Amino acid sequence: MNYIDDFTGAEHADRALEAYHALADIMQQIGMIEEPHKAEPPDTVREVLGITFNTSTMTISIAAEKVEAIREMLMFEQCTLVTLQEWQMHSGRMGFHGQNAQGT
């Protein structure tokens, strides 16, 4: 998955560390600057953009605060009068969550 400047991936446990270092090497070779505090070594649970991937339980879940944001958006959908800016913001969020939660 690539979200602007955030990268994440999945690999078998026996190859995960090798893949992690390979990505760092590739990024360096093409001139991408990796921020050390953002680089996280392989793990079985990873939260990316509010979505938690757990390879031990083979589950994908949405963080509680994201679920609450979705609930608020659903309440928003019942409104009869909204501004264009409000509509664009909420429809963008719904598209993101719908696209990223298909595996749940």
N, C-alpha and C. Protein backbone atom coordinates (compact mmCIF):
# COMPACT_ATOMS: atom_id res chain seq x y z
N MET A 1 0.85 -1.16 0.00
CA MET A 1 0.00 0.00 0.00
C MET A 1 0.91 1.23 0.00
N ASN A 2 0.54 2.22 -0.76
CA ASN A 2 1.27 3.48 -0.78
C ASN A 2 0.26 4.59 -0.59
N TYR A 3 0.41 5.35 0.45
CA TYR A 3 -0.46 6.49 0.71
C TYR A 3 0.42 7.72 0.79
N ILE A 4 0.61 8.40 -0.32
CA ILE A 4 1.46 9.57 -0.45
C ILE A 4 2.89 9.22 -0.04
N ASP A 5 3.21 9.34 1.23
CA ASP A 5 4.58 9.05 1.64
C ASP A 5 4.65 7.96 2.71
N ASP A 6 3.59 7.22 2.89
CA ASP A 6 3.58 6.12 3.85
C ASP A 6 3.56 4.80 3.08
N PHE A 7 4.47 3.92 3.45
CA PHE A 7 4.55 2.61 2.81
C PHE A 7 4.36 1.54 3.86
N THR A 8 3.72 0.46 3.48
CA THR A 8 3.62 -0.69 4.36
C THR A 8 3.56 -1.93 3.48
N GLY A 9 3.86 -3.05 4.05
CA GLY A 9 3.83 -4.28 3.28
C GLY A 9 3.71 -5.47 4.20
N ALA A 10 3.61 -6.63 3.60
CA ALA A 10 3.51 -7.87 4.37
C ALA A 10 4.41 -8.91 3.71
N GLU A 11 5.00 -9.72 4.53
CA GLU A 11 5.91 -10.75 4.04
C GLU A 11 5.87 -11.91 5.03
N HIS A 12 6.23 -13.09 4.57
CA HIS A 12 6.33 -14.24 5.47
C HIS A 12 7.34 -13.92 6.57
N ALA A 13 7.10 -14.44 7.76
CA ALA A 13 7.93 -14.12 8.92
C ALA A 13 9.41 -14.39 8.66
N ASP A 14 9.73 -15.47 7.96
CA ASP A 14 11.14 -15.81 7.74
C ASP A 14 11.84 -14.88 6.75
N ARG A 15 11.07 -14.06 6.03
CA ARG A 15 11.67 -13.13 5.07
C ARG A 15 11.36 -11.67 5.39
N ALA A 16 10.63 -11.41 6.46
CA ALA A 16 10.15 -10.06 6.77
C ALA A 16 11.29 -9.08 7.03
N LEU A 17 12.27 -9.45 7.82
CA LEU A 17 13.36 -8.53 8.14
C LEU A 17 14.19 -8.23 6.89
N GLU A 18 14.41 -9.24 6.08
CA GLU A 18 15.15 -9.05 4.82
C GLU A 18 14.40 -8.09 3.90
N ALA A 19 13.10 -8.24 3.79
CA ALA A 19 12.28 -7.36 2.94
C ALA A 19 12.29 -5.93 3.48
N TYR A 20 12.25 -5.80 4.79
CA TYR A 20 12.28 -4.49 5.45
C TYR A 20 13.57 -3.75 5.09
N HIS A 21 14.69 -4.44 5.20
CA HIS A 21 15.98 -3.82 4.87
C HIS A 21 16.10 -3.57 3.36
N ALA A 22 15.56 -4.45 2.55
CA ALA A 22 15.60 -4.27 1.10
C ALA A 22 14.86 -2.99 0.70
N LEU A 23 13.70 -2.74 1.30
CA LEU A 23 12.96 -1.52 1.00
C LEU A 23 13.77 -0.29 1.38
N ALA A 24 14.40 -0.32 2.55
CA ALA A 24 15.23 0.81 2.98
C ALA A 24 16.36 1.05 1.98
N ASP A 25 16.98 -0.04 1.50
CA ASP A 25 18.06 0.09 0.51
C ASP A 25 17.55 0.69 -0.79
N ILE A 26 16.41 0.23 -1.26
CA ILE A 26 15.83 0.74 -2.51
C ILE A 26 15.51 2.22 -2.37
N MET A 27 14.90 2.58 -1.25
CA MET A 27 14.56 3.98 -1.03
C MET A 27 15.82 4.85 -1.06
N GLN A 28 16.88 4.37 -0.44
CA GLN A 28 18.13 5.13 -0.44
C GLN A 28 18.70 5.24 -1.86
N GLN A 29 18.64 4.15 -2.61
CA GLN A 29 19.19 4.15 -3.98
C GLN A 29 18.45 5.12 -4.89
N ILE A 30 17.16 5.30 -4.70
CA ILE A 30 16.42 6.20 -5.59
C ILE A 30 16.30 7.61 -5.01
N GLY A 31 16.96 7.84 -3.88
CA GLY A 31 17.01 9.18 -3.33
C GLY A 31 15.86 9.57 -2.42
N MET A 32 15.07 8.60 -1.98
CA MET A 32 13.99 8.91 -1.04
C MET A 32 14.58 8.96 0.36
N ILE A 33 14.20 9.97 1.11
CA ILE A 33 14.71 10.12 2.46
C ILE A 33 13.73 9.47 3.43
N GLU A 34 14.22 8.49 4.15
CA GLU A 34 13.40 7.79 5.13
C GLU A 34 13.62 8.43 6.50
N GLU A 35 12.54 8.78 7.16
CA GLU A 35 12.64 9.34 8.50
C GLU A 35 12.75 8.18 9.50
N PRO A 36 13.89 8.09 10.21
CA PRO A 36 14.11 6.95 11.11
C PRO A 36 12.99 6.74 12.13
N HIS A 37 12.38 7.81 12.63
CA HIS A 37 11.33 7.63 13.63
C HIS A 37 10.04 7.06 13.02
N LYS A 38 9.92 7.11 11.69
CA LYS A 38 8.72 6.55 11.05
C LYS A 38 8.93 5.11 10.60
N ALA A 39 10.20 4.68 10.48
CA ALA A 39 10.50 3.32 10.03
C ALA A 39 10.25 2.34 11.17
N GLU A 40 9.36 1.41 10.95
CA GLU A 40 9.02 0.43 11.98
C GLU A 40 9.38 -0.96 11.49
N PRO A 41 10.16 -1.70 12.27
CA PRO A 41 10.55 -3.05 11.84
C PRO A 41 9.34 -3.98 11.77
N PRO A 42 9.51 -5.12 11.13
CA PRO A 42 8.39 -6.06 10.98
C PRO A 42 7.73 -6.43 12.30
N ASP A 43 6.43 -6.61 12.24
CA ASP A 43 5.65 -6.99 13.41
C ASP A 43 4.40 -7.71 12.92
N THR A 44 3.72 -8.39 13.81
CA THR A 44 2.50 -9.10 13.41
C THR A 44 1.26 -8.22 13.48
N VAL A 45 1.38 -7.07 14.16
CA VAL A 45 0.26 -6.13 14.25
C VAL A 45 0.77 -4.76 13.82
N ARG A 46 0.04 -4.15 12.89
CA ARG A 46 0.46 -2.83 12.40
C ARG A 46 -0.78 -1.99 12.14
N GLU A 47 -0.75 -0.74 12.63
CA GLU A 47 -1.82 0.20 12.33
C GLU A 47 -1.33 1.14 11.25
N VAL A 48 -2.10 1.23 10.19
CA VAL A 48 -1.78 2.09 9.06
C VAL A 48 -3.01 2.94 8.75
N LEU A 49 -2.86 4.25 8.92
CA LEU A 49 -3.95 5.18 8.62
C LEU A 49 -5.25 4.80 9.34
N GLY A 50 -5.12 4.36 10.59
CA GLY A 50 -6.30 4.04 11.40
C GLY A 50 -6.86 2.65 11.18
N ILE A 51 -6.21 1.87 10.34
CA ILE A 51 -6.67 0.50 10.10
C ILE A 51 -5.62 -0.45 10.67
N THR A 52 -6.05 -1.40 11.52
CA THR A 52 -5.12 -2.32 12.16
C THR A 52 -5.13 -3.66 11.44
N PHE A 53 -3.94 -4.09 11.05
CA PHE A 53 -3.74 -5.37 10.38
C PHE A 53 -3.05 -6.30 11.39
N ASN A 54 -3.64 -7.47 11.63
CA ASN A 54 -3.08 -8.43 12.56
C ASN A 54 -2.89 -9.74 11.81
N THR A 55 -1.62 -10.08 11.55
CA THR A 55 -1.35 -11.30 10.78
C THR A 55 -1.37 -12.55 11.65
N SER A 56 -1.36 -12.40 12.98
CA SER A 56 -1.49 -13.57 13.85
C SER A 56 -2.92 -14.08 13.85
N THR A 57 -3.88 -13.16 13.93
CA THR A 57 -5.29 -13.55 13.95
C THR A 57 -5.93 -13.44 12.57
N MET A 58 -5.14 -12.93 11.59
CA MET A 58 -5.62 -12.73 10.21
C MET A 58 -6.87 -11.86 10.20
N THR A 59 -6.79 -10.72 10.90
CA THR A 59 -7.92 -9.80 10.95
C THR A 59 -7.49 -8.40 10.53
N ILE A 60 -8.47 -7.66 10.09
CA ILE A 60 -8.31 -6.24 9.77
C ILE A 60 -9.42 -5.53 10.53
N SER A 61 -9.06 -4.47 11.25
CA SER A 61 -10.07 -3.74 12.00
C SER A 61 -9.82 -2.25 11.89
N ILE A 62 -10.86 -1.52 12.17
CA ILE A 62 -10.77 -0.06 12.12
C ILE A 62 -10.68 0.44 13.56
N ALA A 63 -9.74 1.35 13.81
CA ALA A 63 -9.54 1.90 15.15
C ALA A 63 -10.83 2.53 15.67
N ALA A 64 -11.00 2.50 16.98
CA ALA A 64 -12.23 3.00 17.62
C ALA A 64 -12.54 4.43 17.21
N GLU A 65 -11.53 5.28 17.15
CA GLU A 65 -11.79 6.68 16.76
C GLU A 65 -12.25 6.79 15.31
N LYS A 66 -11.80 5.88 14.46
CA LYS A 66 -12.27 5.88 13.07
C LYS A 66 -13.71 5.40 12.99
N VAL A 67 -14.06 4.41 13.82
CA VAL A 67 -15.45 3.92 13.86
C VAL A 67 -16.37 5.05 14.29
N GLU A 68 -15.94 5.81 15.30
CA GLU A 68 -16.75 6.94 15.77
C GLU A 68 -16.89 7.99 14.67
N ALA A 69 -15.82 8.24 13.92
CA ALA A 69 -15.89 9.20 12.81
C ALA A 69 -16.88 8.71 11.75
N ILE A 70 -16.90 7.42 11.49
CA ILE A 70 -17.85 6.85 10.52
C ILE A 70 -19.28 7.03 11.03
N ARG A 71 -19.49 6.78 12.32
CA ARG A 71 -20.83 6.97 12.90
C ARG A 71 -21.30 8.41 12.74
N GLU A 72 -20.37 9.34 12.99
CA GLU A 72 -20.71 10.76 12.82
C GLU A 72 -21.05 11.05 11.37
N MET A 73 -20.32 10.44 10.45
CA MET A 73 -20.62 10.66 9.03
C MET A 73 -21.98 10.11 8.65
N LEU A 74 -22.33 8.96 9.23
CA LEU A 74 -23.64 8.39 8.93
C LEU A 74 -24.75 9.30 9.45
N MET A 75 -24.53 9.92 10.60
CA MET A 75 -25.50 10.89 11.11
C MET A 75 -25.55 12.09 10.17
N PHE A 76 -24.41 12.47 9.65
CA PHE A 76 -24.32 13.57 8.69
C PHE A 76 -25.16 13.27 7.45
N GLU A 77 -25.15 12.01 7.02
CA GLU A 77 -25.90 11.61 5.83
C GLU A 77 -27.39 11.88 5.98
N GLN A 78 -27.89 11.98 7.21
CA GLN A 78 -29.31 12.21 7.44
C GLN A 78 -29.67 13.70 7.40
N CYS A 79 -28.64 14.56 7.32
CA CYS A 79 -28.89 16.00 7.26
C CYS A 79 -29.54 16.36 5.92
N THR A 80 -30.35 17.39 5.93
CA THR A 80 -31.01 17.81 4.70
C THR A 80 -30.35 19.03 4.07
N LEU A 81 -29.51 19.73 4.83
CA LEU A 81 -28.86 20.93 4.31
C LEU A 81 -27.41 20.94 4.77
N VAL A 82 -26.48 20.89 3.81
CA VAL A 82 -25.05 20.91 4.13
C VAL A 82 -24.33 21.81 3.13
N THR A 83 -23.14 22.25 3.52
CA THR A 83 -22.34 23.05 2.59
C THR A 83 -21.59 22.10 1.65
N LEU A 84 -21.13 22.63 0.54
CA LEU A 84 -20.35 21.83 -0.41
C LEU A 84 -19.09 21.30 0.26
N GLN A 85 -18.43 22.14 1.05
CA GLN A 85 -17.21 21.73 1.73
C GLN A 85 -17.48 20.57 2.70
N GLU A 86 -18.57 20.63 3.45
CA GLU A 86 -18.92 19.54 4.36
C GLU A 86 -19.19 18.26 3.59
N TRP A 87 -19.91 18.37 2.49
CA TRP A 87 -20.22 17.18 1.69
C TRP A 87 -18.95 16.56 1.12
N GLN A 88 -18.05 17.37 0.61
CA GLN A 88 -16.81 16.85 0.04
C GLN A 88 -15.97 16.15 1.10
N MET A 89 -15.87 16.74 2.28
CA MET A 89 -15.09 16.15 3.36
C MET A 89 -15.67 14.79 3.76
N HIS A 90 -16.97 14.72 3.98
CA HIS A 90 -17.58 13.48 4.43
C HIS A 90 -17.59 12.41 3.34
N SER A 91 -17.83 12.78 2.11
CA SER A 91 -17.84 11.76 1.05
C SER A 91 -16.43 11.23 0.82
N GLY A 92 -15.40 12.06 0.98
CA GLY A 92 -14.02 11.59 0.87
C GLY A 92 -13.68 10.59 1.96
N ARG A 93 -14.10 10.88 3.18
CA ARG A 93 -13.85 9.96 4.30
C ARG A 93 -14.58 8.63 4.08
N MET A 94 -15.82 8.70 3.65
CA MET A 94 -16.58 7.47 3.43
C MET A 94 -15.91 6.61 2.36
N GLY A 95 -15.43 7.26 1.31
CA GLY A 95 -14.74 6.51 0.25
C GLY A 95 -13.49 5.83 0.77
N PHE A 96 -12.71 6.55 1.60
CA PHE A 96 -11.50 5.97 2.17
C PHE A 96 -11.81 4.76 3.02
N HIS A 97 -12.75 4.90 3.96
CA HIS A 97 -13.06 3.79 4.86
C HIS A 97 -13.70 2.63 4.12
N GLY A 98 -14.53 2.92 3.15
CA GLY A 98 -15.15 1.84 2.39
C GLY A 98 -14.12 1.05 1.59
N GLN A 99 -13.18 1.76 1.00
CA GLN A 99 -12.16 1.12 0.19
C GLN A 99 -11.21 0.28 1.06
N ASN A 100 -10.87 0.77 2.24
CA ASN A 100 -9.87 0.12 3.06
C ASN A 100 -10.43 -0.91 4.03
N ALA A 101 -11.71 -1.00 4.19
CA ALA A 101 -12.30 -1.95 5.13
C ALA A 101 -12.98 -3.11 4.43
N GLN A 102 -12.74 -3.30 3.14
CA GLN A 102 -13.43 -4.35 2.41
C GLN A 102 -13.08 -5.74 2.93
N GLY A 103 -11.91 -5.90 3.54
CA GLY A 103 -11.51 -7.21 4.04
C GLY A 103 -12.06 -7.56 5.40
N THR A 104 -12.83 -6.64 6.02
CA THR A 104 -13.32 -6.92 7.37
C THR A 104 -14.61 -7.71 7.33
